[in-house]
Each structure stands twice: as structure tokens, then as C-alpha cells.
Amino acid sequence: MLKDERLKEIETMLQTNGKVEVGNLCRIFNVTEMTIRRDLNDLVARNLAVRSHGGAVAAPDTMLTERPYEIRITRNLREKEAIAREALQFIGDGDRVFFDSSTTVYCLARLISNTQKFLAVTDTLSTAMELNARTSLRVVCLGGELKKTTGSCTGTFAEQMLKSMYFNTVFIGLPRISKTGVLSTSSMSELSIKRAAIDHASQVIVLADSSKIGKPDFLAIGNLSEVDVLITDSKIPADFVRYCESIGVRTIIAQAPPV
């Protein structure tokens, strides 16, 4: 296979899966690691990829759908971790708690102590594995088709499982919240999961850093008026905080540590 053909196939894999690994590419194309690393460097130089440990992820502007998990987890990480610390207060022993596939909710999962005792349900493998390391937790992971960009389970099986459950609290992350309270996402596969979680919870808590406030994304999930608590960071516009108060949504502003 010619180099240009190989580069085109790697680019397609990046757009479809969000990431590639050097070892797998060597096996697929039967070439050396040095050859693959040069290929990835060429894609990086053309702004089609970003190097990661052991491979590369798709450059944000080239993704056909949502950005891969490895890119999203690094965005506004200090704010996400501060938001997650504030969210801990809403988990009590004996609760039934849903953790969705957002990176901020994953940050919350990492903060759960080994002494807490509750039932945790999630649609995301990375979050399930993190929670399952706590010896006092019961962890349920939804089944279904595994999404490559997020490692989350989607589809009919996952939706049916979630719709048969009821939670004390659900933690939801969102790609976008409009200034008029529209909750939205670009992911068709995760739309119904987030919607079902909201419908089956006594308390809905949205974890969203201030960069998520803006124009609506492609798909509307619901409205902020359905949310009990919004936890965000100190860069949130004051007029948006006043809007939240006007519709009865409690707003908690997390203080990220200085750089």
C-alpha cells in the first residue's frame, strides 16, 4: 500500500473512532512503528490529528460528530474537578445514583471515597471501572452498543435498562446549555440516555463548566427548568445565574484553584 493510501485510511479511522494506536496500525498495515509514527506526524502537521500517548486522536475540527474522550477530558480540567468536588455533597449512603458519560461526571467518580456505600449506575466503561475500584459500592453498567468516541453504551438495550430504574440522584453533563435554558447535545445516540435519566430521577444535577453556556447544539434534550441543581464555575455570566434563580434552579459556583 502506498503512503498516501495508508494516510487516507488512518484519517478515516480517526474520524470514525476518534483515536488510533500505533501498535494496532502496525498490525493492520504490516509496517514498522517508525513508519506509523512518521505517518501520524504527517497528519499532525496537516492539523488532522493530535498526538496522544501511544497514538493519536482526531483534531477537534475534523471530527464528524463529537470530540473524542481524550480531548474532552483535558478541556477546562481544573474547573471540572472543582465542580466535581461540589457535587460530592449530593451523594448519600444507600442512594441510587446515575453517572452519565460526560467527562465532568467522570471527575466526580474519581473523587468517590472507598467508605461510601451506594448503588452506582453508569453507561460508561471508564466510569464503571473507576467506581468498581471502591470496595463498598455496588456498580451496574448499562449494556448496549459501545460507542468508540466516549466508551459509553448506547442503543435500545441501554435505554430499556435505564427506563426500568429509578434514582435518588442523576448527574448529567451537557455539551451546551443555551441562555434561555435549552439543554442540548450533538450526539443522537446519547440523547435518549440523558433524557431517560432525567425522567427517572428524584433529583437532577447538571455538572457544566461555564464554557458550555451558549447557542444550542443540534439536539434538544430538555430545559433547565427540569433541573434541580446546576454546578458550574466562577466564569459563569451573572445574568445566567439570575436566570437560573428565576426558574427555580439552585446554582452552585465552584472555585477552581489558581494556576
Protein backbone atom coordinates (compact mmCIF):
# COMPACT_ATOMS: atom_id res chain seq x y z
CA MET A 1 0.00 0.00 0.00
CA LEU A 2 1.27 3.45 -0.92
CA LYS A 3 1.86 6.00 1.83
CA ASP A 4 -0.90 8.33 0.60
CA GLU A 5 -3.41 5.46 0.66
CA ARG A 6 -2.33 4.49 4.17
CA LEU A 7 -2.63 8.09 5.39
CA LYS A 8 -6.12 8.32 3.93
CA GLU A 9 -7.20 5.15 5.73
CA ILE A 10 -5.71 6.36 9.04
CA GLU A 11 -7.54 9.68 8.61
CA THR A 12 -10.82 7.78 8.09
CA MET A 13 -10.17 5.73 11.26
CA LEU A 14 -9.56 8.94 13.22
CA GLN A 15 -12.81 10.48 12.00
CA THR A 16 -14.79 7.32 12.71
CA ASN A 17 -13.24 6.20 16.03
CA GLY A 18 -11.76 9.43 17.36
CA LYS A 19 -8.36 7.83 18.01
CA VAL A 20 -5.78 5.35 16.70
CA GLU A 21 -2.99 3.38 18.38
CA VAL A 22 0.47 2.80 16.93
CA GLY A 23 0.53 -0.93 17.71
CA ASN A 24 -2.81 -1.60 16.06
CA LEU A 25 -1.87 0.40 12.96
CA CYS A 26 1.37 -1.59 12.63
CA ARG A 27 -0.61 -4.82 12.60
CA ILE A 28 -3.27 -3.52 10.23
CA PHE A 29 -0.82 -2.17 7.65
CA ASN A 30 2.07 -4.58 8.34
CA VAL A 31 4.63 -1.79 8.72
CA THR A 32 7.07 -0.73 11.43
CA GLU A 33 6.36 1.56 14.36
CA MET A 34 8.74 4.13 12.87
CA THR A 35 6.66 4.21 9.68
CA ILE A 36 3.41 4.71 11.58
CA ARG A 37 4.91 7.42 13.78
CA ARG A 38 6.02 9.28 10.65
CA ASP A 39 2.51 8.89 9.23
CA LEU A 40 0.97 10.31 12.39
CA ASN A 41 3.42 13.18 12.39
CA ASP A 42 2.35 13.97 8.81
CA LEU A 43 -1.31 14.06 9.91
CA VAL A 44 -0.42 16.28 12.86
CA ALA A 45 1.43 18.67 10.52
CA ARG A 46 -1.74 18.88 8.40
CA ASN A 47 -3.85 19.60 11.52
CA LEU A 48 -5.75 16.33 11.07
CA ALA A 49 -4.57 14.71 14.30
CA VAL A 50 -3.20 15.42 17.76
CA ARG A 51 -0.55 13.09 19.19
CA SER A 52 -1.50 11.18 22.33
CA HIS A 53 0.16 8.53 24.46
CA GLY A 54 0.65 5.52 22.21
CA GLY A 55 -1.01 7.01 19.14
CA ALA A 56 -3.12 9.97 18.11
CA VAL A 57 -6.60 11.45 18.45
CA ALA A 58 -8.56 13.35 15.83
CA ALA A 59 -8.07 17.10 15.75
CA PRO A 60 -11.25 18.74 17.13
CA ASP A 61 -12.15 20.49 13.88
CA THR A 62 -12.02 17.24 11.88
CA MET A 63 -14.47 15.21 13.96
CA LEU A 64 -17.67 14.28 12.16
CA THR A 65 -19.61 14.08 15.41
CA GLU A 66 -18.44 14.78 18.94
CA ARG A 67 -14.87 15.12 20.12
CA PRO A 68 -13.10 12.02 21.47
CA TYR A 69 -12.97 11.47 25.22
CA GLU A 70 -9.20 12.02 25.40
CA ILE A 71 -9.57 15.57 24.08
CA ARG A 72 -12.66 16.49 26.13
CA ILE A 73 -11.23 15.36 29.48
CA THR A 74 -8.36 17.84 29.20
CA ARG A 75 -10.55 20.87 28.43
CA ASN A 76 -11.12 23.09 31.50
CA LEU A 77 -9.92 20.26 33.74
CA ARG A 78 -9.37 22.45 36.83
CA GLU A 79 -12.93 23.74 36.57
CA LYS A 80 -14.32 20.24 36.06
CA GLU A 81 -12.53 18.91 39.13
CA ALA A 82 -13.76 21.84 41.25
CA ILE A 83 -17.33 21.24 40.04
CA ALA A 84 -16.99 17.53 40.88
CA ARG A 85 -15.88 18.33 44.44
CA GLU A 86 -19.03 20.39 44.97
CA ALA A 87 -21.16 17.54 43.61
CA LEU A 88 -19.96 15.11 46.29
CA GLN A 89 -22.34 16.63 48.85
CA PHE A 90 -25.35 15.28 46.91
CA ILE A 91 -24.45 11.59 47.33
CA GLY A 92 -25.61 9.82 50.49
CA ASP A 93 -25.17 6.28 51.76
CA GLY A 94 -27.88 3.98 50.46
CA ASP A 95 -28.66 6.20 47.44
CA ARG A 96 -29.24 5.02 43.90
CA VAL A 97 -27.11 7.28 41.69
CA PHE A 98 -26.68 7.54 37.91
CA PHE A 99 -23.40 8.81 36.41
CA ASP A 100 -23.64 9.75 32.75
CA SER A 101 -20.88 9.70 30.12
CA SER A 102 -19.63 13.28 30.49
CA THR A 103 -16.03 13.95 31.46
CA THR A 104 -17.06 16.17 34.40
CA VAL A 105 -19.14 13.33 35.82
CA TYR A 106 -16.12 11.05 35.39
CA CYS A 107 -14.14 13.54 37.50
CA LEU A 108 -16.82 13.09 40.17
CA ALA A 109 -16.44 9.30 40.02
CA ARG A 110 -12.72 9.67 40.71
CA LEU A 111 -13.48 11.56 43.94
CA ILE A 112 -15.76 8.92 45.46
CA SER A 113 -14.19 7.59 48.66
CA ASN A 114 -13.73 3.93 49.47
CA THR A 115 -16.02 4.25 52.51
CA GLN A 116 -19.12 5.48 50.68
CA LYS A 117 -21.91 2.94 50.28
CA PHE A 118 -24.47 3.38 47.49
CA LEU A 119 -25.66 1.83 44.24
CA ALA A 120 -23.96 3.41 41.23
CA VAL A 121 -25.28 3.01 37.69
CA THR A 122 -23.44 4.28 34.62
CA ASP A 123 -23.47 3.92 30.86
CA THR A 124 -19.70 4.41 30.55
CA LEU A 125 -16.95 1.80 30.88
CA SER A 126 -14.26 4.16 32.22
CA THR A 127 -16.62 5.46 34.91
CA ALA A 128 -17.79 1.94 35.78
CA MET A 129 -14.21 0.73 36.23
CA GLU A 130 -13.34 3.76 38.35
CA LEU A 131 -16.35 3.23 40.62
CA ASN A 132 -15.86 -0.53 40.79
CA ALA A 133 -12.47 0.02 42.43
CA ARG A 134 -14.37 1.18 45.57
CA THR A 135 -14.96 -1.88 47.71
CA SER A 136 -18.17 -0.56 49.34
CA LEU A 137 -20.02 0.33 46.12
CA ARG A 138 -22.40 -1.76 44.05
CA VAL A 139 -21.89 -0.85 40.40
CA VAL A 140 -24.20 -1.53 37.45
CA CYS A 141 -23.06 -0.79 33.91
CA LEU A 142 -25.72 -0.49 31.22
CA GLY A 143 -25.44 -2.84 28.27
CA GLY A 144 -25.72 -1.98 24.60
CA GLU A 145 -23.57 -0.89 21.71
CA LEU A 146 -20.23 0.53 22.85
CA LYS A 147 -19.56 3.98 21.41
CA LYS A 148 -15.99 4.38 20.24
CA THR A 149 -15.52 8.11 20.96
CA THR A 150 -16.78 8.00 24.56
CA GLY A 151 -16.71 4.37 25.69
CA SER A 152 -20.39 4.67 26.59
CA CYS A 153 -23.14 2.12 25.98
CA THR A 154 -25.95 3.26 23.71
CA GLY A 155 -28.91 1.87 21.83
CA THR A 156 -32.15 0.09 22.64
CA PHE A 157 -30.75 -2.29 25.30
CA ALA A 158 -29.14 0.54 27.26
CA GLU A 159 -32.32 2.64 27.06
CA GLN A 160 -34.56 -0.22 28.19
CA MET A 161 -32.33 -0.95 31.17
CA LEU A 162 -32.26 2.69 32.22
CA LYS A 163 -36.03 3.09 31.85
CA SER A 164 -36.57 0.23 34.28
CA MET A 165 -34.62 2.02 37.03
CA TYR A 166 -35.33 4.92 39.39
CA PHE A 167 -32.68 7.06 41.04
CA ASN A 168 -32.35 9.35 44.01
CA THR A 169 -29.92 11.46 42.02
CA VAL A 170 -28.61 11.63 38.46
CA PHE A 171 -25.51 13.53 37.43
CA ILE A 172 -25.65 14.81 33.88
CA GLY A 173 -23.05 16.63 31.80
CA LEU A 174 -24.07 18.58 28.72
CA PRO A 175 -22.26 19.85 25.64
CA ARG A 176 -24.37 23.00 25.60
CA ILE A 177 -26.88 25.00 27.64
CA SER A 178 -28.45 27.97 25.88
CA LYS A 179 -29.01 31.31 27.59
CA THR A 180 -32.72 30.50 27.52
CA GLY A 181 -32.20 27.17 29.27
CA VAL A 182 -32.26 24.69 26.38
CA LEU A 183 -30.23 21.58 27.22
CA SER A 184 -28.70 20.14 24.06
CA THR A 185 -26.20 17.73 22.54
CA SER A 186 -24.80 16.77 19.16
CA SER A 187 -24.99 13.03 19.90
CA MET A 188 -28.07 11.21 18.65
CA SER A 189 -27.02 8.02 20.41
CA GLU A 190 -26.73 9.62 23.86
CA LEU A 191 -29.78 11.89 23.59
CA SER A 192 -32.24 9.24 24.77
CA ILE A 193 -29.94 8.07 27.61
CA LYS A 194 -29.72 11.55 29.11
CA ARG A 195 -33.45 12.09 28.61
CA ALA A 196 -34.35 8.80 30.32
CA ALA A 197 -32.05 9.59 33.23
CA ILE A 198 -33.76 12.95 33.77
CA ASP A 199 -37.20 11.31 33.63
CA HIS A 200 -36.29 8.65 36.20
CA ALA A 201 -34.70 10.74 38.94
CA SER A 202 -35.93 12.44 42.09
CA GLN A 203 -33.07 14.93 41.79
CA VAL A 204 -31.34 16.06 38.59
CA ILE A 205 -27.94 17.68 38.94
CA VAL A 206 -26.19 19.17 35.92
CA LEU A 207 -22.40 19.50 36.04
CA ALA A 208 -21.32 22.02 33.41
CA ASP A 209 -18.41 24.43 33.28
CA SER A 210 -19.07 27.96 32.03
CA SER A 211 -17.77 27.22 28.51
CA LYS A 212 -20.94 25.16 27.91
CA ILE A 213 -23.21 28.24 28.05
CA GLY A 214 -24.04 29.45 24.53
CA LYS A 215 -26.06 28.70 21.45
CA PRO A 216 -27.99 25.40 21.43
CA ASP A 217 -26.38 22.32 19.92
CA PHE A 218 -28.09 20.17 17.28
CA LEU A 219 -30.43 18.11 19.51
CA ALA A 220 -32.58 19.41 22.37
CA ILE A 221 -32.68 17.15 25.44
CA GLY A 222 -34.95 19.30 27.58
CA ASN A 223 -34.98 22.53 29.55
CA LEU A 224 -33.06 23.80 32.53
CA SER A 225 -36.35 24.17 34.39
CA GLU A 226 -36.33 20.35 34.75
CA VAL A 227 -33.05 20.53 36.67
CA ASP A 228 -32.79 20.86 40.45
CA VAL A 229 -29.16 21.95 40.75
CA LEU A 230 -26.60 23.40 38.33
CA ILE A 231 -22.98 23.23 39.44
CA THR A 232 -20.66 25.41 37.40
CA ASP A 233 -17.54 27.57 37.77
CA SER A 234 -16.86 31.20 38.63
CA LYS A 235 -16.67 32.32 34.99
CA ILE A 236 -20.41 31.81 34.58
CA PRO A 237 -22.14 35.05 33.44
CA ALA A 238 -24.01 36.81 36.26
CA ASP A 239 -27.11 37.25 34.09
CA PHE A 240 -27.25 33.48 33.54
CA VAL A 241 -27.11 32.88 37.29
CA ARG A 242 -30.02 35.30 37.72
CA TYR A 243 -31.92 33.42 35.00
CA CYS A 244 -31.38 30.13 36.84
CA GLU A 245 -32.69 31.65 40.05
CA SER A 246 -35.76 32.98 38.23
CA ILE A 247 -36.77 29.47 37.13
CA GLY A 248 -36.04 27.86 40.50
CA VAL A 249 -32.73 26.18 39.69
CA ARG A 250 -30.22 26.23 42.52
CA THR A 251 -26.82 27.34 41.23
CA ILE A 252 -23.59 26.37 42.95
CA ILE A 253 -20.43 28.12 41.77
CA ALA A 254 -17.28 26.05 42.26
CA GLN A 255 -14.00 27.84 42.80
CA ALA A 256 -11.18 26.30 40.80
CA PRO A 257 -7.71 26.61 42.38
CA PRO A 258 -5.36 29.18 40.81
CA VAL A 259 -2.98 28.01 38.11
